[in-house]
Structure formats: structure tokens, C-alpha cells
């Protein structure tokens, strides 16, 4: 069981958090939703993460597959197993 309750769209949430969840889905980043639902308890943090995701995925001139490869390699170098699992392609 999670130590932090996940914020859901059925909860009474601020409009900016609801907009954030919608933009995550539009960017095709559903696999991050549990992380975002945990962070949504802090709207300022959610806004910061949203800006980072926008820069990485929506406004980048680098193809998405190369972004994913870079994220995967940095995560492996940093021994960030959580990120490695979420960015590696399933076999």
C-alpha cells in the first residue's frame, strides 16, 4: 500500500491539477500518472513537473525516442531502477 494517498480526478481537486492530469494524458505519459497523483498534493510542485514534462515531451526538437534513450541511460548510470523500469521498452 502506498504511504501517500494518490489524488484522483474524482477527488475535489483544484482546476489546475485537473488540467495537469489532462495534459499528461494528451502527451501520452500515462505511465507517470501514479507519480503525478502522489505529487498533486502540492500544486506548486505539480506545476514545476508539468513545465519539465512540457519541455521534454511537447516542445523538444529532439525526437521522443532519443529523449527516452537519454533518460534511460542517465537513469541507469544513476542506478535509478524506478526510472529504468518506466523508460525501458517491454521485452
N, C-alpha and C. Protein backbone atom coordinates (compact mmCIF):
# COMPACT_ATOMS: atom_id res chain seq x y z
N UNK A 1 0.84 -1.18 0.00
CA UNK A 1 0.00 0.00 0.00
C UNK A 1 0.89 1.25 0.00
N UNK A 2 0.47 2.25 -0.77
CA UNK A 2 1.22 3.50 -0.85
C UNK A 2 1.16 4.24 0.48
N UNK A 3 2.26 4.91 0.81
CA UNK A 3 2.31 5.69 2.04
C UNK A 3 1.63 7.05 1.85
N UNK A 4 1.50 7.49 0.62
CA UNK A 4 0.84 8.75 0.30
C UNK A 4 -0.39 8.42 -0.53
N UNK A 5 -1.53 8.93 -0.12
CA UNK A 5 -2.76 8.70 -0.89
C UNK A 5 -2.63 9.38 -2.25
N UNK A 6 -3.03 8.68 -3.29
CA UNK A 6 -2.95 9.23 -4.64
C UNK A 6 -4.17 10.11 -4.91
N UNK A 7 -3.93 11.27 -5.49
CA UNK A 7 -5.01 12.17 -5.86
C UNK A 7 -5.65 11.64 -7.13
N UNK A 8 -6.96 11.57 -7.14
CA UNK A 8 -7.67 11.07 -8.32
C UNK A 8 -8.52 12.20 -8.91
N UNK A 9 -8.96 11.99 -10.13
CA UNK A 9 -9.80 13.01 -10.77
C UNK A 9 -11.18 13.07 -10.14
N UNK A 10 -11.59 12.01 -9.43
CA UNK A 10 -12.90 12.07 -8.76
C UNK A 10 -12.82 12.88 -7.47
N UNK A 11 -11.59 13.11 -6.96
CA UNK A 11 -11.45 13.88 -5.73
C UNK A 11 -11.77 15.35 -6.01
N UNK A 12 -11.96 16.07 -4.95
CA UNK A 12 -12.19 17.50 -5.07
C UNK A 12 -10.83 18.17 -5.25
N UNK A 13 -10.41 18.33 -6.52
CA UNK A 13 -9.08 18.87 -6.80
C UNK A 13 -9.19 20.23 -7.47
N UNK A 14 -8.10 20.97 -7.37
CA UNK A 14 -8.05 22.29 -8.00
C UNK A 14 -8.10 22.15 -9.52
N UNK A 15 -8.67 23.14 -10.20
CA UNK A 15 -8.77 23.06 -11.67
C UNK A 15 -7.40 22.92 -12.35
N UNK A 16 -6.36 23.55 -11.80
CA UNK A 16 -5.05 23.45 -12.44
C UNK A 16 -4.49 22.02 -12.34
N UNK A 17 -4.83 21.30 -11.28
CA UNK A 17 -4.39 19.91 -11.15
C UNK A 17 -5.15 19.04 -12.15
N UNK A 18 -6.44 19.28 -12.29
CA UNK A 18 -7.24 18.54 -13.27
C UNK A 18 -6.70 18.80 -14.68
N UNK A 19 -6.37 20.06 -14.99
CA UNK A 19 -5.79 20.41 -16.29
C UNK A 19 -4.45 19.70 -16.50
N UNK A 20 -3.67 19.63 -15.42
CA UNK A 20 -2.38 18.95 -15.50
C UNK A 20 -2.57 17.48 -15.85
N UNK A 21 -3.49 16.80 -15.17
CA UNK A 21 -3.75 15.39 -15.46
C UNK A 21 -4.17 15.22 -16.92
N UNK A 22 -5.00 16.11 -17.42
CA UNK A 22 -5.44 16.01 -18.82
C UNK A 22 -4.26 16.21 -19.78
N UNK A 23 -3.38 17.14 -19.46
CA UNK A 23 -2.25 17.38 -20.36
C UNK A 23 -1.28 16.21 -20.35
N UNK A 24 -1.14 15.55 -19.20
CA UNK A 24 -0.27 14.35 -19.13
C UNK A 24 -0.81 13.27 -20.06
N UNK A 25 -2.11 13.09 -20.06
CA UNK A 25 -2.72 12.09 -20.94
C UNK A 25 -2.55 12.48 -22.40
N UNK A 26 -2.70 13.77 -22.72
CA UNK A 26 -2.54 14.23 -24.11
C UNK A 26 -1.11 14.04 -24.59
N UNK A 27 -0.13 14.18 -23.68
CA UNK A 27 1.27 13.99 -24.05
C UNK A 27 1.64 12.51 -24.16
N UNK A 28 0.72 11.63 -23.76
CA UNK A 28 0.99 10.20 -23.82
C UNK A 28 1.91 9.72 -22.71
N UNK A 29 1.79 10.32 -21.54
CA UNK A 29 2.67 9.98 -20.42
C UNK A 29 1.90 9.30 -19.30
N UNK A 30 0.94 8.46 -19.66
CA UNK A 30 0.10 7.82 -18.66
C UNK A 30 0.90 6.99 -17.66
N UNK A 31 2.04 6.46 -18.09
CA UNK A 31 2.82 5.62 -17.18
C UNK A 31 3.39 6.41 -16.00
N UNK A 32 3.34 7.75 -16.06
CA UNK A 32 3.79 8.59 -14.95
C UNK A 32 2.66 8.95 -13.99
N UNK A 33 1.44 8.54 -14.30
CA UNK A 33 0.29 9.05 -13.54
C UNK A 33 0.36 8.78 -12.04
N UNK A 34 0.81 7.62 -11.61
CA UNK A 34 0.88 7.37 -10.17
C UNK A 34 1.84 8.34 -9.49
N UNK A 35 2.96 8.60 -10.13
CA UNK A 35 3.91 9.58 -9.58
C UNK A 35 3.26 10.96 -9.51
N UNK A 36 2.57 11.36 -10.58
CA UNK A 36 1.92 12.67 -10.60
C UNK A 36 0.78 12.74 -9.59
N UNK A 37 0.06 11.66 -9.42
CA UNK A 37 -1.05 11.65 -8.46
C UNK A 37 -0.53 11.79 -7.02
N UNK A 38 0.65 11.29 -6.76
CA UNK A 38 1.25 11.47 -5.43
C UNK A 38 1.74 12.91 -5.25
N UNK A 39 2.32 13.48 -6.30
CA UNK A 39 2.85 14.85 -6.22
C UNK A 39 1.75 15.90 -6.23
N UNK A 40 0.55 15.54 -6.66
CA UNK A 40 -0.54 16.51 -6.82
C UNK A 40 -1.02 17.10 -5.50
N UNK A 41 -0.55 16.56 -4.39
CA UNK A 41 -0.88 17.16 -3.09
C UNK A 41 -0.23 18.52 -2.94
N UNK A 42 0.76 18.80 -3.75
CA UNK A 42 1.48 20.07 -3.72
C UNK A 42 1.37 20.73 -5.09
N UNK A 43 0.38 21.58 -5.30
CA UNK A 43 0.16 22.17 -6.63
C UNK A 43 1.39 22.87 -7.22
N UNK A 44 2.19 23.55 -6.39
CA UNK A 44 3.38 24.24 -6.93
C UNK A 44 4.38 23.23 -7.49
N UNK A 45 4.51 22.08 -6.85
CA UNK A 45 5.40 21.03 -7.34
C UNK A 45 4.85 20.42 -8.62
N UNK A 46 3.55 20.25 -8.66
CA UNK A 46 2.91 19.71 -9.86
C UNK A 46 3.14 20.65 -11.04
N UNK A 47 3.04 21.95 -10.81
CA UNK A 47 3.28 22.93 -11.88
C UNK A 47 4.72 22.84 -12.39
N UNK A 48 5.66 22.69 -11.46
CA UNK A 48 7.07 22.59 -11.86
C UNK A 48 7.31 21.34 -12.70
N UNK A 49 6.76 20.22 -12.26
CA UNK A 49 6.91 18.96 -13.00
C UNK A 49 6.24 19.09 -14.38
N UNK A 50 5.10 19.76 -14.42
CA UNK A 50 4.40 19.95 -15.69
C UNK A 50 5.28 20.73 -16.66
N UNK A 51 5.94 21.77 -16.18
CA UNK A 51 6.84 22.53 -17.04
C UNK A 51 7.98 21.68 -17.57
N UNK A 52 8.52 20.84 -16.72
CA UNK A 52 9.60 19.94 -17.14
C UNK A 52 9.11 18.96 -18.20
N UNK A 53 7.93 18.38 -17.97
CA UNK A 53 7.38 17.43 -18.94
C UNK A 53 7.08 18.11 -20.27
N UNK A 54 6.55 19.33 -20.21
CA UNK A 54 6.28 20.08 -21.44
C UNK A 54 7.57 20.29 -22.22
N UNK A 55 8.63 20.70 -21.50
CA UNK A 55 9.91 20.96 -22.17
C UNK A 55 10.47 19.68 -22.79
N UNK A 56 10.38 18.57 -22.05
CA UNK A 56 10.91 17.31 -22.56
C UNK A 56 10.11 16.76 -23.71
N UNK A 57 8.81 16.70 -23.55
CA UNK A 57 8.00 15.93 -24.49
C UNK A 57 7.20 16.75 -25.50
N UNK A 58 6.77 17.92 -25.14
CA UNK A 58 5.88 18.66 -26.05
C UNK A 58 6.62 19.71 -26.88
N UNK A 59 7.71 20.25 -26.35
CA UNK A 59 8.36 21.37 -27.03
C UNK A 59 9.78 21.07 -27.47
N UNK A 60 10.20 19.84 -27.34
CA UNK A 60 11.58 19.48 -27.68
C UNK A 60 11.74 19.32 -29.19
N UNK A 61 12.91 19.69 -29.68
CA UNK A 61 13.22 19.46 -31.09
C UNK A 61 13.85 18.09 -31.28
N UNK A 62 14.18 17.43 -30.18
CA UNK A 62 14.75 16.09 -30.22
C UNK A 62 13.62 15.07 -30.30
N UNK A 63 13.78 14.08 -31.15
CA UNK A 63 12.75 13.05 -31.28
C UNK A 63 12.54 12.34 -29.95
N UNK A 64 11.30 11.95 -29.70
CA UNK A 64 10.94 11.34 -28.43
C UNK A 64 11.75 10.07 -28.12
N UNK A 65 12.03 9.27 -29.14
CA UNK A 65 12.77 8.03 -28.88
C UNK A 65 14.18 8.34 -28.37
N UNK A 66 14.77 9.46 -28.81
CA UNK A 66 16.10 9.82 -28.33
C UNK A 66 16.04 10.40 -26.92
N UNK A 67 14.96 11.13 -26.62
CA UNK A 67 14.77 11.60 -25.25
C UNK A 67 14.66 10.41 -24.30
N UNK A 68 13.87 9.43 -24.69
CA UNK A 68 13.69 8.25 -23.85
C UNK A 68 15.00 7.51 -23.66
N UNK A 69 15.78 7.41 -24.73
CA UNK A 69 17.08 6.75 -24.63
C UNK A 69 18.01 7.50 -23.67
N UNK A 70 18.01 8.83 -23.77
CA UNK A 70 18.85 9.63 -22.86
C UNK A 70 18.40 9.48 -21.42
N UNK A 71 17.10 9.53 -21.19
CA UNK A 71 16.56 9.36 -19.83
C UNK A 71 16.92 7.98 -19.29
N UNK A 72 16.78 6.98 -20.13
CA UNK A 72 17.11 5.61 -19.73
C UNK A 72 18.58 5.48 -19.35
N UNK A 73 19.46 6.03 -20.17
CA UNK A 73 20.89 5.89 -19.90
C UNK A 73 21.31 6.65 -18.65
N UNK A 74 20.80 7.85 -18.46
CA UNK A 74 21.12 8.61 -17.24
C UNK A 74 20.58 7.89 -16.01
N UNK A 75 19.38 7.35 -16.13
CA UNK A 75 18.80 6.61 -15.01
C UNK A 75 19.63 5.38 -14.67
N UNK A 76 20.12 4.69 -15.68
CA UNK A 76 20.97 3.51 -15.42
C UNK A 76 22.27 3.93 -14.77
N UNK A 77 22.88 5.01 -15.26
CA UNK A 77 24.14 5.48 -14.66
C UNK A 77 23.95 5.89 -13.20
N UNK A 78 22.80 6.46 -12.90
CA UNK A 78 22.49 6.89 -11.53
C UNK A 78 21.88 5.77 -10.69
N UNK A 79 21.77 4.59 -11.27
CA UNK A 79 21.17 3.43 -10.60
C UNK A 79 19.75 3.74 -10.13
N UNK A 80 19.03 4.47 -10.95
CA UNK A 80 17.63 4.80 -10.66
C UNK A 80 16.72 3.74 -11.25
N UNK A 81 16.60 2.62 -10.54
CA UNK A 81 15.87 1.48 -11.07
C UNK A 81 14.41 1.79 -11.39
N UNK A 82 13.78 2.63 -10.59
CA UNK A 82 12.38 3.00 -10.85
C UNK A 82 12.26 3.62 -12.24
N UNK A 83 13.14 4.57 -12.54
CA UNK A 83 13.09 5.24 -13.84
C UNK A 83 13.48 4.29 -14.97
N UNK A 84 14.44 3.42 -14.73
CA UNK A 84 14.83 2.45 -15.75
C UNK A 84 13.65 1.59 -16.14
N UNK A 85 12.93 1.10 -15.14
CA UNK A 85 11.78 0.25 -15.41
C UNK A 85 10.72 1.01 -16.22
N UNK A 86 10.50 2.26 -15.89
CA UNK A 86 9.43 3.02 -16.56
C UNK A 86 9.83 3.53 -17.94
N UNK A 87 11.11 3.57 -18.25
CA UNK A 87 11.53 4.07 -19.55
C UNK A 87 12.03 2.98 -20.49
N UNK A 88 12.22 1.78 -19.97
CA UNK A 88 12.68 0.68 -20.83
C UNK A 88 11.50 0.09 -21.58
N UNK A 89 11.75 -0.34 -22.79
CA UNK A 89 10.69 -1.00 -23.56
C UNK A 89 10.48 -2.40 -23.01
N UNK A 90 9.23 -2.82 -22.95
CA UNK A 90 8.99 -4.20 -22.50
C UNK A 90 9.54 -5.20 -23.52
N UNK A 91 10.07 -6.29 -23.02
CA UNK A 91 10.64 -7.33 -23.93
C UNK A 91 9.55 -8.22 -24.47
